[in-house]
Amino acid sequence: MLIDKVRSIQQSQKQPNVLVIGDLMIDHYVWGNATRLSPEAPVPVVNVKSESTTLGGAANVAQNLITLGAKVTLTGIIGDDAAGRQLISILEQEGIDTCAIIQDTNRPTTIKTRILAGSHQLVRVDREVTDPVHETLADELLKKLTTCIEKADIVLFSDYNKGLFSPALTERLTQAINQQHKKVIVDPKGLNYSKYKGAYLIKPNRKELTEAAKAEKISNLTDLQEAAKTIFKQTEAEYLVVTLSEEGMAIMSELTYKVLPVKATEVFDVTGAGDTVLAAMAYFMASGLDIEEACELANHAAAIVIRRVGSATTTINEILEDMRRNT
C-alpha cells in the first residue's frame, strides 16, 4: 500500500539529494486597507499595515523540498544587490545550499511586489530583467554545477521565463546531467519546448500545454493526447505530467495515460501549487517510488497547499493525514 511506502520513507530518514536549477525571485507582499479613492487619479489609496517577504520561483520549489525532508542545492542567477543578499540569507536560514548561485552585476534580483487591500490584490509591480544570461555567466554556472550534478539523486528545472533557460544553456545543462545518468524534471514556460529535449519528465499545466502544442483548446482526453504527441515529438521526453486544475492531473507517456482525480475539497489560493507538485514528485521519485506513486502523492500535496493563502509548503505528516482522510 502506498501509505505504508510513505511511512517507510519517513522512518528511513534518508534524505534524497535534489538539485534545483531555476529562476530565483522574491515575492514581496504589501498588506493594507483601502477605503477611499485618490484625488489625483481614480485609484484606491492603500494605507499600509504590514509587509512580508517570501521565496518565489525556483526558490519556492527548493523550500517545498526542504519541508518534505530533502537535501537541496539551489542554483540560478541573482543581482548583486540588497534583494539578492536578502534572498541568499532567507535560503541559508532554510538550510538550502546556495554555493552554486551566481550574481550578475547587469541585472537586478527579480522582485514581484503584490499590493493587497484586505484579501484583494490591487496591483503587482515587477522588478526584473529577462534577457538571456550572458555566455560568460552560463560557462561559470556549468562549471559550478559539475559536482552538484554528481551528488544529486534527481535534477529539477524550474523555468519562469526570466532569462536563465536560454535554448543554448538548457541544452548544455541537460547534456551534462544526462551524461551523469541523472533524471531531469522540467516545470516549463514559454512556447519553445524543444529546448527541453532530453528531459525525463515535463510538467506543464493545461494552458501551458495548449500554447506550446499550438492547440486550439484542450477540453477532453483526445485533445490532451493530440497536444501531448506534439510535445513528445519535440522533446523525446519519457513522460508528460499535465496538471488540469479541478480535473486533477494526467500522467502520459507515448503509449499510455492515466488521469488522477483532484484531491482538494476546497480551494482558497492556487499560488505556488505547481511548485509544490514539482517538489513532491521529485522528492518521492528520488526516494525510490515510481512515477505514478509520486504523482499520486504530489496530488495530495497540492490539495493541502491550495487550501491555504499564498505560496505554501507541506510536510510528509500532512500528506499522510490527507491520504488517511481520502481512503
Protein backbone atom coordinates (compact mmCIF):
# COMPACT_ATOMS: atom_id res chain seq x y z
CA MET A 1 0.00 0.00 0.00
CA LEU A 2 1.23 3.48 -0.88
CA ILE A 3 0.63 4.85 2.61
CA ASP A 4 2.97 2.16 4.01
CA LYS A 5 5.66 3.07 1.47
CA VAL A 6 5.46 6.73 2.55
CA ARG A 7 5.75 5.74 6.22
CA SER A 8 8.76 3.60 5.33
CA ILE A 9 10.43 6.56 3.55
CA GLN A 10 9.73 8.73 6.58
CA GLN A 11 11.13 6.19 9.03
CA SER A 12 14.30 5.58 6.99
CA GLN A 13 15.22 9.26 7.46
CA LYS A 14 17.27 9.03 4.26
CA GLN A 15 17.34 12.47 2.70
CA PRO A 16 17.25 12.45 -1.10
CA ASN A 17 19.67 14.94 -2.64
CA VAL A 18 17.87 17.25 -5.08
CA LEU A 19 19.46 19.85 -7.35
CA VAL A 20 17.12 22.70 -8.33
CA ILE A 21 18.16 24.91 -11.25
CA GLY A 22 15.90 27.83 -11.95
CA ASP A 23 14.77 31.44 -11.95
CA LEU A 24 15.11 32.84 -8.43
CA MET A 25 12.86 35.59 -7.14
CA ILE A 26 11.42 37.28 -4.09
CA ASP A 27 7.67 37.57 -3.52
CA HIS A 28 7.03 40.82 -1.65
CA TYR A 29 3.55 41.45 -0.20
CA VAL A 30 2.23 44.84 0.93
CA TRP A 31 -0.93 44.47 3.07
CA GLY A 32 -3.27 47.35 3.86
CA ASN A 33 -6.75 48.86 3.80
CA ALA A 34 -8.34 50.90 1.02
CA THR A 35 -11.35 53.00 2.00
CA ARG A 36 -11.11 55.93 -0.41
CA LEU A 37 -10.04 56.91 -3.93
CA SER A 38 -7.09 59.17 -4.64
CA PRO A 39 -7.95 62.78 -5.58
CA GLU A 40 -5.10 62.61 -8.14
CA ALA A 41 -6.45 59.66 -10.18
CA PRO A 42 -9.34 57.14 -9.97
CA VAL A 43 -7.27 54.63 -7.98
CA PRO A 44 -7.60 53.33 -4.42
CA VAL A 45 -5.39 54.76 -1.68
CA VAL A 46 -3.84 51.90 0.29
CA ASN A 47 -2.99 52.56 3.93
CA VAL A 48 -0.15 50.07 4.52
CA LYS A 49 -0.46 47.92 7.65
CA SER A 50 2.29 45.35 7.09
CA GLU A 51 4.76 43.90 4.60
CA SER A 52 6.11 40.38 4.16
CA THR A 53 8.76 38.71 2.00
CA THR A 54 8.78 35.08 0.87
CA LEU A 55 10.78 32.94 -1.55
CA GLY A 56 9.45 32.85 -5.10
CA GLY A 57 10.07 30.95 -8.33
CA ALA A 58 12.65 28.17 -8.09
CA ALA A 59 13.44 29.28 -4.52
CA ASN A 60 9.88 28.31 -3.55
CA VAL A 61 10.42 24.87 -5.14
CA ALA A 62 13.56 24.48 -3.01
CA GLN A 63 11.67 25.50 0.14
CA ASN A 64 8.97 22.91 -0.63
CA LEU A 65 11.66 20.22 -0.95
CA ILE A 66 13.26 21.19 2.38
CA THR A 67 9.88 20.99 4.13
CA LEU A 68 9.38 17.48 2.74
CA GLY A 69 12.81 16.45 4.08
CA ALA A 70 15.20 16.63 1.11
CA LYS A 71 18.75 17.96 0.97
CA VAL A 72 18.63 20.79 -1.56
CA THR A 73 21.22 22.58 -3.66
CA LEU A 74 19.80 25.59 -5.50
CA THR A 75 21.36 27.42 -8.42
CA GLY A 76 20.36 30.35 -10.57
CA ILE A 77 21.27 33.97 -11.29
CA ILE A 78 20.54 36.88 -8.95
CA GLY A 79 21.54 40.54 -8.95
CA ASP A 80 24.45 41.98 -6.99
CA ASP A 81 22.04 43.98 -4.84
CA ALA A 82 20.27 44.16 -1.47
CA ALA A 83 17.40 41.94 -2.67
CA GLY A 84 19.91 39.27 -3.79
CA ARG A 85 21.61 39.34 -0.39
CA GLN A 86 18.23 39.08 1.30
CA LEU A 87 17.33 36.11 -0.90
CA ILE A 88 20.58 34.29 -0.04
CA SER A 89 20.02 35.00 3.67
CA ILE A 90 16.48 33.50 3.63
CA LEU A 91 17.67 30.46 1.66
CA GLU A 92 20.52 29.80 4.10
CA GLN A 93 18.13 30.13 7.08
CA GLU A 94 16.03 27.42 5.42
CA GLY A 95 19.06 25.12 5.16
CA ILE A 96 19.35 25.34 1.36
CA ASP A 97 22.83 25.08 -0.18
CA THR A 98 23.44 28.35 -2.08
CA CYS A 99 27.09 27.83 -3.13
CA ALA A 100 26.17 27.48 -6.82
CA ILE A 101 24.11 30.71 -7.04
CA ILE A 102 25.75 33.34 -9.26
CA GLN A 103 25.47 37.13 -9.02
CA ASP A 104 25.08 39.19 -12.19
CA THR A 105 26.05 42.87 -11.93
CA ASN A 106 23.97 43.64 -15.05
CA ARG A 107 20.56 42.56 -13.77
CA PRO A 108 18.51 43.10 -10.61
CA THR A 109 17.25 40.29 -8.43
CA THR A 110 13.67 39.64 -9.56
CA ILE A 111 11.10 41.01 -7.10
CA LYS A 112 7.35 40.69 -7.53
CA THR A 113 5.50 43.13 -5.26
CA ARG A 114 1.80 42.48 -4.72
CA ILE A 115 -0.25 45.24 -3.11
CA LEU A 116 -3.36 43.96 -1.35
CA ALA A 117 -6.31 45.72 0.24
CA GLY A 118 -7.94 43.22 2.57
CA SER A 119 -7.81 39.99 0.57
CA HIS A 120 -8.00 41.71 -2.84
CA GLN A 121 -4.86 42.13 -4.93
CA LEU A 122 -4.96 45.61 -6.44
CA VAL A 123 -1.75 45.63 -8.45
CA ARG A 124 1.50 43.72 -8.98
CA VAL A 125 4.78 45.53 -9.58
CA ASP A 126 7.63 43.52 -11.18
CA ARG A 127 11.31 44.50 -10.98
CA GLU A 128 13.25 42.26 -13.35
CA VAL A 129 15.41 41.84 -16.45
CA THR A 130 14.54 38.81 -18.59
CA ASP A 131 17.33 38.97 -21.18
CA PRO A 132 19.14 35.65 -21.74
CA VAL A 133 22.02 35.02 -19.33
CA HIS A 134 25.40 36.14 -20.76
CA GLU A 135 27.58 33.34 -22.13
CA THR A 136 30.35 34.02 -19.57
CA LEU A 137 27.88 33.52 -16.71
CA ALA A 138 26.49 30.39 -18.41
CA ASP A 139 30.02 28.92 -18.51
CA GLU A 140 30.56 29.81 -14.84
CA LEU A 141 27.24 28.20 -13.90
CA LEU A 142 28.05 24.94 -15.69
CA LYS A 143 31.48 24.82 -14.05
CA LYS A 144 29.97 25.26 -10.59
CA LEU A 145 27.34 22.59 -11.24
CA THR A 146 29.70 19.71 -12.11
CA THR A 147 29.98 18.37 -8.53
CA CYS A 148 26.37 19.31 -7.70
CA ILE A 149 25.13 17.08 -10.54
CA GLU A 150 27.36 14.21 -9.37
CA LYS A 151 25.85 14.39 -5.85
CA ALA A 152 22.21 14.78 -6.95
CA ASP A 153 19.66 11.96 -6.99
CA ILE A 154 17.44 14.00 -9.32
CA VAL A 155 17.59 17.42 -11.03
CA LEU A 156 14.75 19.95 -11.44
CA PHE A 157 14.47 22.79 -13.97
CA SER A 158 12.14 25.48 -12.63
CA ASP A 159 11.68 27.78 -15.64
CA TYR A 160 9.86 31.07 -15.06
CA ASN A 161 10.96 32.65 -18.36
CA LYS A 162 13.31 35.11 -16.67
CA GLY A 163 16.31 34.51 -18.92
CA LEU A 164 18.14 31.57 -17.33
CA PHE A 165 16.86 28.81 -19.61
CA SER A 166 18.03 30.05 -22.99
CA PRO A 167 17.93 27.23 -25.58
CA ALA A 168 21.75 27.03 -25.62
CA LEU A 169 22.22 26.83 -21.84
CA THR A 170 19.25 24.49 -21.35
CA GLU A 171 20.72 22.08 -23.92
CA ARG A 172 24.17 22.20 -22.27
CA LEU A 173 22.68 21.62 -18.81
CA THR A 174 20.57 18.67 -19.99
CA GLN A 175 23.56 17.05 -21.72
CA ALA A 176 25.75 17.44 -18.60
CA ILE A 177 23.03 15.88 -16.41
CA ASN A 178 22.28 13.01 -18.81
CA GLN A 179 25.99 12.19 -19.02
CA GLN A 180 25.84 11.56 -15.26
CA HIS A 181 22.74 9.34 -15.82
CA LYS A 182 20.51 11.57 -13.69
CA LYS A 183 16.84 12.31 -14.47
CA VAL A 184 15.73 15.84 -15.37
CA ILE A 185 12.23 17.00 -14.41
CA VAL A 186 11.09 20.27 -16.02
CA ASP A 187 8.48 22.81 -14.96
CA PRO A 188 8.28 24.57 -18.35
CA LYS A 189 7.49 28.10 -19.53
CA GLY A 190 7.17 29.71 -22.93
CA LEU A 191 6.42 28.20 -26.31
CA ASN A 192 9.73 26.53 -27.17
CA TYR A 193 9.64 23.08 -25.55
CA SER A 194 12.24 21.72 -28.00
CA LYS A 195 14.90 23.31 -25.75
CA TYR A 196 13.96 20.69 -23.09
CA LYS A 197 14.95 17.82 -25.41
CA GLY A 198 16.47 15.02 -23.35
CA ALA A 199 14.44 15.72 -20.20
CA TYR A 200 12.91 12.69 -18.48
CA LEU A 201 9.63 14.37 -17.48
CA ILE A 202 7.95 17.68 -18.34
CA LYS A 203 5.16 19.10 -16.17
CA PRO A 204 3.03 21.75 -17.91
CA ASN A 205 -0.43 22.86 -16.84
CA ARG A 206 -3.30 22.72 -19.33
CA LYS A 207 -2.85 26.34 -20.52
CA GLU A 208 0.92 25.94 -20.98
CA LEU A 209 0.46 22.70 -22.93
CA THR A 210 -2.25 24.23 -25.14
CA GLU A 211 0.03 27.14 -26.08
CA ALA A 212 3.23 25.10 -26.53
CA ALA A 213 1.50 22.48 -28.70
CA LYS A 214 -0.27 25.24 -30.68
CA ALA A 215 -3.59 23.52 -29.97
CA GLU A 216 -6.88 25.39 -30.30
CA LYS A 217 -8.06 24.08 -26.96
CA ILE A 218 -7.74 21.08 -24.64
CA SER A 219 -11.22 20.25 -23.43
CA ASN A 220 -11.19 16.43 -23.49
CA LEU A 221 -8.86 13.44 -23.46
CA THR A 222 -8.49 13.33 -27.27
CA ASP A 223 -7.33 16.97 -27.32
CA LEU A 224 -4.92 16.18 -24.48
CA GLN A 225 -3.42 13.19 -26.30
CA GLU A 226 -3.01 15.14 -29.56
CA ALA A 227 -1.25 18.00 -27.76
CA ALA A 228 0.95 15.52 -25.87
CA LYS A 229 2.01 13.89 -29.17
CA THR A 230 3.36 17.24 -30.38
CA ILE A 231 5.43 17.72 -27.20
CA PHE A 232 6.77 14.14 -27.20
CA LYS A 233 7.91 14.67 -30.79
CA GLN A 234 9.68 17.93 -29.88
CA THR A 235 11.34 16.76 -26.65
CA GLU A 236 11.59 12.93 -26.72
CA ALA A 237 10.63 13.07 -23.02
CA GLU A 238 9.64 9.81 -21.32
CA TYR A 239 6.66 11.39 -19.56
CA LEU A 240 4.38 14.39 -19.54
CA VAL A 241 2.50 15.15 -16.33
CA VAL A 242 -0.24 17.68 -17.11
CA THR A 243 -1.93 19.46 -14.21
CA LEU A 244 -5.61 20.02 -15.01
CA SER A 245 -6.73 22.20 -12.04
CA GLU A 246 -10.14 20.92 -10.85
CA GLU A 247 -9.81 17.77 -13.01
CA GLY A 248 -6.62 16.57 -11.29
CA MET A 249 -3.57 15.55 -13.31
CA ALA A 250 -2.76 13.32 -16.28
CA ILE A 251 0.35 11.11 -16.40
CA MET A 252 1.20 10.49 -20.04
CA SER A 253 3.80 8.54 -21.99
CA GLU A 254 3.76 7.99 -25.74
CA LEU A 255 1.84 4.73 -25.26
CA THR A 256 -0.17 5.13 -22.05
CA TYR A 257 -2.05 7.66 -19.95
CA LYS A 258 -3.70 7.82 -16.55
CA VAL A 259 -5.80 10.63 -15.07
CA LEU A 260 -5.60 11.11 -11.29
CA PRO A 261 -8.68 12.90 -9.92
CA VAL A 262 -8.20 16.04 -7.84
CA LYS A 263 -7.92 15.53 -4.07
CA ALA A 264 -8.90 19.03 -2.95
CA THR A 265 -12.33 19.62 -1.42
CA GLU A 266 -11.92 23.40 -1.16
CA VAL A 267 -9.70 25.91 -2.91
CA PHE A 268 -8.52 29.21 -1.43
CA ASP A 269 -5.39 30.04 -3.42
CA VAL A 270 -3.56 28.14 -6.18
CA THR A 271 -0.41 30.33 -5.86
CA GLY A 272 2.65 28.10 -5.79
CA ALA A 273 0.67 24.86 -6.16
CA GLY A 274 2.68 23.96 -9.28
CA ASP A 275 5.91 24.36 -7.30
CA THR A 276 4.55 22.01 -4.62
CA VAL A 277 3.59 19.39 -7.22
CA LEU A 278 7.06 19.60 -8.80
CA ALA A 279 8.82 19.31 -5.43
CA ALA A 280 6.68 16.38 -4.22
CA MET A 281 7.10 14.43 -7.47
CA ALA A 282 10.87 14.89 -7.33
CA TYR A 283 11.14 14.04 -3.64
CA PHE A 284 9.21 10.78 -3.91
CA MET A 285 10.86 9.70 -7.18
CA ALA A 286 14.28 10.37 -5.63
CA SER A 287 13.13 8.29 -2.63
CA GLY A 288 12.56 5.28 -4.91
CA LEU A 289 8.84 5.44 -5.77
CA ASP A 290 7.63 5.07 -9.35
CA ILE A 291 6.19 7.95 -11.31
CA GLU A 292 2.54 7.03 -10.72
CA GLU A 293 3.05 6.77 -6.95
CA ALA A 294 4.99 10.06 -6.91
CA CYS A 295 2.20 11.83 -8.85
CA GLU A 296 -0.47 10.42 -6.53
CA LEU A 297 1.40 11.89 -3.56
CA ALA A 298 2.02 15.18 -5.38
CA ASN A 299 -1.74 15.35 -5.94
CA HIS A 300 -2.28 15.11 -2.17
CA ALA A 301 0.41 17.75 -1.56
CA ALA A 302 -1.32 20.15 -4.00
CA ALA A 303 -4.67 19.57 -2.29
CA ILE A 304 -3.15 20.67 1.01
CA VAL A 305 -1.45 23.88 -0.20
CA ILE A 306 -4.40 25.22 -2.23
CA ARG A 307 -6.45 25.25 0.98
CA ARG A 308 -4.06 27.96 2.24
CA VAL A 309 -3.50 31.57 1.18
CA GLY A 310 -0.20 32.49 -0.55
CA SER A 311 2.64 30.23 -1.63
CA ALA A 312 2.61 27.38 0.88
CA THR A 313 4.52 24.19 1.65
CA THR A 314 3.51 20.86 3.14
CA THR A 315 5.08 18.01 5.10
CA ILE A 316 5.12 14.21 4.90
CA ASN A 317 2.91 14.05 8.02
CA GLU A 318 0.30 16.30 6.39
CA ILE A 319 0.38 14.19 3.21
CA LEU A 320 -0.14 11.02 5.28
CA GLU A 321 -3.06 12.68 7.10
CA ASP A 322 -4.62 13.77 3.77
CA MET A 323 -4.25 10.20 2.45
CA ARG A 324 -6.00 8.79 5.53
CA ARG A 325 -8.87 11.24 5.10
CA ASN A 326 -9.24 10.25 1.43
CA THR A 327 -9.30 6.46 1.96
